Amino acid sequence: MGNGVCLALLATAMQVLLATTLWARTMYVTDTFEIVVRSGKDTNTGRNIIRLLPTGTQVEVSEMDDSWATIQLPDGRTGYVLKRYLIARLPYQETAARLQEETEQQRQRLTVLEQELTALRQERDQLQGASTSQEGQLAEITQKYEQLQRDAAQYLQLKADYVALQHTHEENQQKLSELNNAYTLLKESRSVMWFLSGGGVILAGWIIGMITERFRGRRRRQSGQVYQLPN
């Protein structure tokens, strides 16, 4: 019988504990108040005050009835506060403080971002200036490259023309040398012919003179005249 009672009490305690755990919720002390935490649900005496909680304090509420809320203190004790002094949201003062803190953080972050933006803008301007300069250099190099291409094409054409002209010149030089040799041979042949012609004329004249003289001498002898050559 004693074991049954113990088991029943244990089951009841577990149910109460489970119900308390499932019901527990986080709440906050209301705005602009310091509330009294009491050891019992009685406001007619000050002897049951165990603590004062400032506004915005977060508390864990395990039970709540029409007037009172049962809370758990950080030191593990259980206390009672009037229900009307608890709210389910953050107090406006706490919310304002958090918003102000977040605003300040955002402001600091904005300042950092503005500085980064300024640095990026300066870097962009520098890159843009460098890009403009590089575009000018690229245009100049492109012009020089195109001019080199044109010059190279002209050089190749001039080289081809030079090679062809040199070949033609060599052929002409060879032909001129052959003509000079032929002219020299012809000139020498004409000189020999003129020499032979002149010698032939002289020889023929001498022969004719000899024949004529002999003919005249014969006629003189026949006519009794003797022609003597002068001394």
C-alpha atoms as a PDB file:
ATOM      1  CA  MET A   1       0.000   0.000   0.000  1.00  0.00           C
ATOM      2  CA  GLY A   2       2.866   2.368   0.847  1.00  0.00           C
ATOM      3  CA  ASN A   3       4.540   1.696  -2.501  1.00  0.00           C
ATOM      4  CA  GLY A   4       1.332   2.447  -4.348  1.00  0.00           C
ATOM      5  CA  VAL A   5       0.964   5.776  -2.606  1.00  0.00           C
ATOM      6  CA  CYS A   6       4.561   6.697  -3.381  1.00  0.00           C
ATOM      7  CA  LEU A   7       4.107   5.814  -7.023  1.00  0.00           C
ATOM      8  CA  ALA A   8       0.906   7.829  -7.202  1.00  0.00           C
ATOM      9  CA  LEU A   9       2.566  10.847  -5.610  1.00  0.00           C
ATOM     10  CA  LEU A  10       5.542  10.515  -7.948  1.00  0.00           C
ATOM     11  CA  ALA A  11       3.244  10.315 -10.956  1.00  0.00           C
ATOM     12  CA  THR A  12       1.330  13.372  -9.773  1.00  0.00           C
ATOM     13  CA  ALA A  13       4.565  15.311  -9.244  1.00  0.00           C
ATOM     14  CA  MET A  14       5.819  14.392 -12.688  1.00  0.00           C
ATOM     15  CA  GLN A  15       2.542  15.512 -14.246  1.00  0.00           C
ATOM     16  CA  VAL A  16       2.717  18.820 -12.414  1.00  0.00           C
ATOM     17  CA  LEU A  17       6.374  19.245 -13.418  1.00  0.00           C
ATOM     18  CA  LEU A  18       5.620  18.356 -17.019  1.00  0.00           C
ATOM     19  CA  ALA A  19       2.660  20.714 -17.127  1.00  0.00           C
ATOM     20  CA  THR A  20       4.769  23.475 -15.581  1.00  0.00           C
ATOM     21  CA  THR A  21       7.568  22.861 -18.111  1.00  0.00           C
ATOM     22  CA  LEU A  22       5.210  22.863 -21.075  1.00  0.00           C
ATOM     23  CA  TRP A  23       3.499  26.050 -19.920  1.00  0.00           C
ATOM     24  CA  ALA A  24       6.697  27.984 -19.108  1.00  0.00           C
ATOM     25  CA  ARG A  25       7.219  31.094 -21.214  1.00  0.00           C
ATOM     26  CA  THR A  26       9.614  34.031 -21.358  1.00  0.00           C
ATOM     27  CA  MET A  27       8.265  37.408 -20.277  1.00  0.00           C
ATOM     28  CA  TYR A  28       9.681  40.820 -19.364  1.00  0.00           C
ATOM     29  CA  VAL A  29       9.193  43.339 -16.594  1.00  0.00           C
ATOM     30  CA  THR A  30       6.958  46.117 -17.918  1.00  0.00           C
ATOM     31  CA  ASP A  31       8.141  49.597 -18.936  1.00  0.00           C
ATOM     32  CA  THR A  32       9.363  52.223 -16.438  1.00  0.00           C
ATOM     33  CA  PHE A  33       8.796  50.106 -13.369  1.00  0.00           C
ATOM     34  CA  GLU A  34      10.714  48.236 -10.748  1.00  0.00           C
ATOM     35  CA  ILE A  35       8.541  45.380  -9.600  1.00  0.00           C
ATOM     36  CA  VAL A  36       8.586  43.499  -6.338  1.00  0.00           C
ATOM     37  CA  VAL A  37       9.248  39.778  -6.248  1.00  0.00           C
ATOM     38  CA  ARG A  38       7.598  38.158  -3.217  1.00  0.00           C
ATOM     39  CA  SER A  39       7.890  34.792  -1.623  1.00  0.00           C
ATOM     40  CA  GLY A  40       4.107  34.489  -1.442  1.00  0.00           C
ATOM     41  CA  LYS A  41       0.955  35.864  -3.056  1.00  0.00           C
ATOM     42  CA  ASP A  42       0.346  38.622  -0.517  1.00  0.00           C
ATOM     43  CA  THR A  43       0.795  42.355  -1.008  1.00  0.00           C
ATOM     44  CA  ASN A  44      -0.271  43.346   2.532  1.00  0.00           C
ATOM     45  CA  THR A  45       3.113  42.731   4.081  1.00  0.00           C
ATOM     46  CA  GLY A  46       6.602  43.741   3.144  1.00  0.00           C
ATOM     47  CA  ARG A  47       8.231  40.816   4.879  1.00  0.00           C
ATOM     48  CA  ASN A  48       7.767  38.537   1.865  1.00  0.00           C
ATOM     49  CA  ILE A  49       9.725  40.796  -0.543  1.00  0.00           C
ATOM     50  CA  ILE A  50      12.762  38.895  -1.772  1.00  0.00           C
ATOM     51  CA  ARG A  51      13.925  41.002  -4.697  1.00  0.00           C
ATOM     52  CA  LEU A  52      13.317  44.051  -6.946  1.00  0.00           C
ATOM     53  CA  LEU A  53      13.460  43.613 -10.697  1.00  0.00           C
ATOM     54  CA  PRO A  54      14.125  46.651 -12.956  1.00  0.00           C
ATOM     55  CA  THR A  55      12.216  47.259 -16.196  1.00  0.00           C
ATOM     56  CA  GLY A  56      13.236  45.077 -19.079  1.00  0.00           C
ATOM     57  CA  THR A  57      14.371  42.162 -16.897  1.00  0.00           C
ATOM     58  CA  GLN A  58      13.753  38.828 -18.599  1.00  0.00           C
ATOM     59  CA  VAL A  59      12.028  36.236 -16.427  1.00  0.00           C
ATOM     60  CA  GLU A  60      10.805  32.696 -16.936  1.00  0.00           C
ATOM     61  CA  VAL A  61       7.159  32.322 -15.949  1.00  0.00           C
ATOM     62  CA  SER A  62       6.113  28.812 -14.887  1.00  0.00           C
ATOM     63  CA  GLU A  63       2.525  29.490 -13.796  1.00  0.00           C
ATOM     64  CA  MET A  64       0.015  32.277 -14.043  1.00  0.00           C
ATOM     65  CA  ASP A  65      -3.447  32.890 -12.580  1.00  0.00           C
ATOM     66  CA  ASP A  66      -5.763  35.880 -12.701  1.00  0.00           C
ATOM     67  CA  SER A  67      -3.493  38.132 -10.577  1.00  0.00           C
ATOM     68  CA  TRP A  68      -0.145  36.464  -9.942  1.00  0.00           C
ATOM     69  CA  ALA A  69       2.667  34.968 -12.014  1.00  0.00           C
ATOM     70  CA  THR A  70       5.135  32.420 -10.667  1.00  0.00           C
ATOM     71  CA  ILE A  71       8.676  33.096 -11.919  1.00  0.00           C
ATOM     72  CA  GLN A  72      12.049  31.420 -11.577  1.00  0.00           C
ATOM     73  CA  LEU A  73      14.884  33.655 -10.327  1.00  0.00           C
ATOM     74  CA  PRO A  74      18.440  33.227 -11.589  1.00  0.00           C
ATOM     75  CA  ASP A  75      19.526  31.848  -8.187  1.00  0.00           C
ATOM     76  CA  GLY A  76      16.975  29.036  -8.503  1.00  0.00           C
ATOM     77  CA  ARG A  77      14.392  30.416  -6.079  1.00  0.00           C
ATOM     78  CA  THR A  78      10.719  30.721  -6.929  1.00  0.00           C
ATOM     79  CA  GLY A  79       9.026  34.094  -6.643  1.00  0.00           C
ATOM     80  CA  TYR A  80       5.678  35.717  -7.254  1.00  0.00           C
ATOM     81  CA  VAL A  81       4.980  38.980  -9.070  1.00  0.00           C
ATOM     82  CA  LEU A  82       1.768  40.691  -9.998  1.00  0.00           C
ATOM     83  CA  LYS A  83       0.693  39.588 -13.456  1.00  0.00           C
ATOM     84  CA  ARG A  84      -0.097  43.089 -14.664  1.00  0.00           C
ATOM     85  CA  TYR A  85       3.559  44.073 -14.366  1.00  0.00           C
ATOM     86  CA  LEU A  86       4.704  41.484 -16.924  1.00  0.00           C
ATOM     87  CA  ILE A  87       4.543  41.810 -20.694  1.00  0.00           C
ATOM     88  CA  ALA A  88       5.285  39.349 -23.489  1.00  0.00           C
ATOM     89  CA  ARG A  89       7.289  41.786 -25.600  1.00  0.00           C
ATOM     90  CA  LEU A  90      10.482  43.648 -25.038  1.00  0.00           C
ATOM     91  CA  PRO A  91       9.854  46.913 -23.162  1.00  0.00           C
ATOM     92  CA  TYR A  92       9.891  50.018 -25.307  1.00  0.00           C
ATOM     93  CA  GLN A  93      12.891  51.349 -23.434  1.00  0.00           C
ATOM     94  CA  GLU A  94      14.790  48.142 -24.066  1.00  0.00           C
ATOM     95  CA  THR A  95      13.605  48.069 -27.652  1.00  0.00           C
ATOM     96  CA  ALA A  96      14.647  51.683 -28.114  1.00  0.00           C
ATOM     97  CA  ALA A  97      18.044  50.978 -26.564  1.00  0.00           C
ATOM     98  CA  ARG A  98      18.565  47.987 -28.834  1.00  0.00           C
ATOM     99  CA  LEU A  99      17.394  49.941 -31.846  1.00  0.00           C
ATOM    100  CA  GLN A 100      19.706  52.769 -30.904  1.00  0.00           C
ATOM    101  CA  GLU A 101      22.579  50.327 -30.553  1.00  0.00           C
ATOM    102  CA  GLU A 102      21.736  48.701 -33.878  1.00  0.00           C
ATOM    103  CA  THR A 103      21.400  52.160 -35.438  1.00  0.00           C
ATOM    104  CA  GLU A 104      24.810  53.128 -34.118  1.00  0.00           C
ATOM    105  CA  GLN A 105      26.269  49.897 -35.452  1.00  0.00           C
ATOM    106  CA  GLN A 106      24.611  50.537 -38.791  1.00  0.00           C
ATOM    107  CA  ARG A 107      25.924  54.099 -38.752  1.00  0.00           C
ATOM    108  CA  GLN A 108      29.433  52.855 -38.076  1.00  0.00           C
ATOM    109  CA  ARG A 109      29.007  50.237 -40.768  1.00  0.00           C
ATOM    110  CA  LEU A 110      27.719  52.938 -43.127  1.00  0.00           C
ATOM    111  CA  THR A 111      30.764  55.086 -42.357  1.00  0.00           C
ATOM    112  CA  VAL A 112      33.036  52.155 -43.151  1.00  0.00           C
ATOM    113  CA  LEU A 113      31.107  51.458 -46.351  1.00  0.00           C
ATOM    114  CA  GLU A 114      31.324  55.123 -47.364  1.00  0.00           C
ATOM    115  CA  GLN A 115      35.090  55.033 -46.805  1.00  0.00           C
ATOM    116  CA  GLU A 116      35.337  51.839 -48.830  1.00  0.00           C
ATOM    117  CA  LEU A 117      33.141  53.402 -51.515  1.00  0.00           C
ATOM    118  CA  THR A 118      35.375  56.474 -51.629  1.00  0.00           C
ATOM    119  CA  ALA A 119      38.460  54.252 -51.907  1.00  0.00           C
ATOM    120  CA  LEU A 120      36.795  52.201 -54.639  1.00  0.00           C
ATOM    121  CA  ARG A 121      35.748  55.375 -56.474  1.00  0.00           C
ATOM    122  CA  GLN A 122      39.319  56.676 -56.343  1.00  0.00           C
ATOM    123  CA  GLU A 123      40.621  53.315 -57.527  1.00  0.00           C
ATOM    124  CA  ARG A 124      38.021  53.334 -60.313  1.00  0.00           C
ATOM    125  CA  ASP A 125      39.093  56.836 -61.372  1.00  0.00           C
ATOM    126  CA  GLN A 126      42.723  55.736 -61.382  1.00  0.00           C
ATOM    127  CA  LEU A 127      41.880  52.645 -63.405  1.00  0.00           C
ATOM    128  CA  GLN A 128      39.776  54.728 -65.766  1.00  0.00           C
ATOM    129  CA  GLY A 129      42.647  57.165 -66.245  1.00  0.00           C
ATOM    130  CA  ALA A 130      45.055  54.285 -66.780  1.00  0.00           C
ATOM    131  CA  SER A 131      42.592  52.695 -69.193  1.00  0.00           C
ATOM    132  CA  THR A 132      42.273  55.939 -71.155  1.00  0.00           C
ATOM    133  CA  SER A 133      46.046  56.229 -71.324  1.00  0.00           C
ATOM    134  CA  GLN A 134      46.358  52.596 -72.369  1.00  0.00           C
ATOM    135  CA  GLU A 135      43.700  53.119 -75.046  1.00  0.00           C
ATOM    136  CA  GLY A 136      45.743  55.995 -76.437  1.00  0.00           C
ATOM    137  CA  GLN A 137      48.906  53.904 -76.338  1.00  0.00           C
ATOM    138  CA  LEU A 138      47.067  51.004 -77.950  1.00  0.00           C
ATOM    139  CA  ALA A 139      45.784  53.255 -80.745  1.00  0.00           C
ATOM    140  CA  GLU A 140      49.312  54.591 -81.317  1.00  0.00           C
ATOM    141  CA  ILE A 141      50.792  51.083 -81.305  1.00  0.00           C
ATOM    142  CA  THR A 142      48.052  49.920 -83.672  1.00  0.00           C
ATOM    143  CA  GLN A 143      48.873  52.742 -86.078  1.00  0.00           C
ATOM    144  CA  LYS A 144      52.581  51.904 -85.885  1.00  0.00           C
ATOM    145  CA  TYR A 145      51.828  48.222 -86.400  1.00  0.00           C
ATOM    146  CA  GLU A 146      49.657  48.948 -89.438  1.00  0.00           C
ATOM    147  CA  GLN A 147      52.370  51.257 -90.796  1.00  0.00           C
ATOM    148  CA  LEU A 148      54.933  48.507 -90.250  1.00  0.00           C
ATOM    149  CA  GLN A 149      52.675  46.093 -92.115  1.00  0.00           C
ATOM    150  CA  ARG A 150      52.417  48.540 -95.011  1.00  0.00           C
ATOM    151  CA  ASP A 151      56.171  49.172 -94.911  1.00  0.00           C
ATOM    152  CA  ALA A 152      56.825  45.432 -94.779  1.00  0.00           C
ATOM    153  CA  ALA A 153      54.587  44.878 -97.795  1.00  0.00           C
ATOM    154  CA  GLN A 154      56.348  47.707 -99.640  1.00  0.00           C
ATOM    155  CA  TYR A 155      59.729  46.309 -98.571  1.00  0.00           C
ATOM    156  CA  LEU A 156      58.846  42.854 -99.870  1.00  0.00           C
ATOM    157  CA  GLN A 157      57.620  44.345-103.145  1.00  0.00           C
ATOM    158  CA  LEU A 158      60.735  46.515-103.439  1.00  0.00           C
ATOM    159  CA  LYS A 159      62.904  43.509-102.644  1.00  0.00           C
ATOM    160  CA  ALA A 160      61.142  41.457-105.328  1.00  0.00           C
ATOM    161  CA  ASP A 161      61.511  44.348-107.795  1.00  0.00           C
ATOM    162  CA  TYR A 162      65.180  44.714-106.847  1.00  0.00           C
ATOM    163  CA  VAL A 163      65.866  41.004-107.332  1.00  0.00           C
ATOM    164  CA  ALA A 164      64.090  41.052-110.700  1.00  0.00           C
ATOM    165  CA  LEU A 165      65.945  44.216-111.751  1.00  0.00           C
ATOM    166  CA  GLN A 166      69.254  42.769-110.619  1.00  0.00           C
ATOM    167  CA  HIS A 167      68.576  39.622-112.622  1.00  0.00           C
ATOM    168  CA  THR A 168      67.664  41.700-115.665  1.00  0.00           C
ATOM    169  CA  HIS A 169      70.793  43.814-115.159  1.00  0.00           C
ATOM    170  CA  GLU A 170      72.959  40.709-114.996  1.00  0.00           C
ATOM    171  CA  GLU A 171      71.372  39.402-118.196  1.00  0.00           C
ATOM    172  CA  ASN A 172      71.923  42.784-119.876  1.00  0.00           C
ATOM    173  CA  GLN A 173      75.503  42.853-118.661  1.00  0.00           C
ATOM    174  CA  GLN A 174      76.056  39.402-120.111  1.00  0.00           C
ATOM    175  CA  LYS A 175      74.479  40.413-123.419  1.00  0.00           C
ATOM    176  CA  LEU A 176      76.535  43.635-123.433  1.00  0.00           C
ATOM    177  CA  SER A 177      79.702  41.645-122.817  1.00  0.00           C
ATOM    178  CA  GLU A 178      78.822  39.324-125.685  1.00  0.00           C
ATOM    179  CA  LEU A 179      78.094  42.298-127.943  1.00  0.00           C
ATOM    180  CA  ASN A 180      81.391  43.932-126.956  1.00  0.00           C
ATOM    181  CA  ASN A 181      83.249  40.739-127.768  1.00  0.00           C
ATOM    182  CA  ALA A 182      81.424  40.434-131.085  1.00  0.00           C
ATOM    183  CA  TYR A 183      82.118  44.110-131.866  1.00  0.00           C
ATOM    184  CA  THR A 184      85.788  43.665-131.031  1.00  0.00           C
ATOM    185  CA  LEU A 185      86.029  40.641-133.296  1.00  0.00           C
ATOM    186  CA  LEU A 186      84.182  42.474-136.049  1.00  0.00           C
ATOM    187  CA  LYS A 187      86.419  45.507-135.659  1.00  0.00           C
ATOM    188  CA  GLU A 188      89.520  43.382-135.800  1.00  0.00           C
ATOM    189  CA  SER A 189      88.125  41.573-138.855  1.00  0.00           C
ATOM    190  CA  ARG A 190      87.403  44.888-140.602  1.00  0.00           C
ATOM    191  CA  SER A 191      90.905  46.145-139.829  1.00  0.00           C
ATOM    192  CA  VAL A 192      92.387  43.010-141.314  1.00  0.00           C
ATOM    193  CA  MET A 193      90.117  43.329-144.304  1.00  0.00           C
ATOM    194  CA  TRP A 194      91.049  46.992-144.793  1.00  0.00           C
ATOM    195  CA  PHE A 195      94.694  46.107-144.444  1.00  0.00           C
ATOM    196  CA  LEU A 196      94.388  43.292-146.889  1.00  0.00           C
ATOM    197  CA  SER A 197      92.294  45.450-149.206  1.00  0.00           C
ATOM    198  CA  GLY A 198      94.853  48.252-149.074  1.00  0.00           C
ATOM    199  CA  GLY A 199      97.706  45.831-149.598  1.00  0.00           C
ATOM    200  CA  GLY A 200      95.820  44.234-152.474  1.00  0.00           C
ATOM    201  CA  VAL A 201      95.215  47.611-154.094  1.00  0.00           C
ATOM    202  CA  ILE A 202      98.874  48.542-153.738  1.00  0.00           C
ATOM    203  CA  LEU A 203      99.962  45.196-155.047  1.00  0.00           C
ATOM    204  CA  ALA A 204      97.518  45.424-157.910  1.00  0.00           C
ATOM    205  CA  GLY A 205      98.721  48.959-158.693  1.00  0.00           C
ATOM    206  CA  TRP A 206     102.308  47.814-158.590  1.00  0.00           C
ATOM    207  CA  ILE A 207     101.568  44.893-160.847  1.00  0.00           C
ATOM    208  CA  ILE A 208      99.605  47.143-163.224  1.00  0.00           C
ATOM    209  CA  GLY A 209     102.457  49.666-163.159  1.00  0.00           C
ATOM    210  CA  MET A 210     104.994  46.952-163.927  1.00  0.00           C
ATOM    211  CA  ILE A 211     102.901  45.605-166.794  1.00  0.00           C
ATOM    212  CA  THR A 212     102.330  49.126-168.143  1.00  0.00           C
ATOM    213  CA  GLU A 213     106.031  49.939-167.939  1.00  0.00           C
ATOM    214  CA  ARG A 214     107.017  46.809-169.708  1.00  0.00           C
ATOM    215  CA  PHE A 215     104.467  47.512-172.430  1.00  0.00           C
ATOM    216  CA  ARG A 216     105.794  51.042-172.898  1.00  0.00           C
ATOM    217  CA  GLY A 217     109.401  49.829-172.994  1.00  0.00           C
ATOM    218  CA  ARG A 218     108.534  47.323-175.678  1.00  0.00           C
ATOM    219  CA  ARG A 219     106.924  49.999-177.808  1.00  0.00           C
ATOM    220  CA  ARG A 220     109.884  52.287-177.421  1.00  0.00           C
ATOM    221  CA  ARG A 221     112.272  49.615-178.484  1.00  0.00           C
ATOM    222  CA  GLN A 222     110.151  48.908-181.443  1.00  0.00           C
ATOM    223  CA  SER A 223     110.121  52.599-182.392  1.00  0.00           C
ATOM    224  CA  GLY A 224     113.890  53.037-181.720  1.00  0.00           C
ATOM    225  CA  GLN A 225     113.388  55.144-178.573  1.00  0.00           C
ATOM    226  CA  VAL A 226     114.988  54.144-175.363  1.00  0.00           C
ATOM    227  CA  TYR A 227     113.540  55.404-172.174  1.00  0.00           C
ATOM    228  CA  GLN A 228     115.877  55.719-169.316  1.00  0.00           C
ATOM    229  CA  LEU A 229     114.733  56.176-165.825  1.00  0.00           C
ATOM    230  CA  PRO A 230     116.162  59.255-164.224  1.00  0.00           C
ATOM    231  CA  ASN A 231     119.044  58.756-161.777  1.00  0.00           C
END
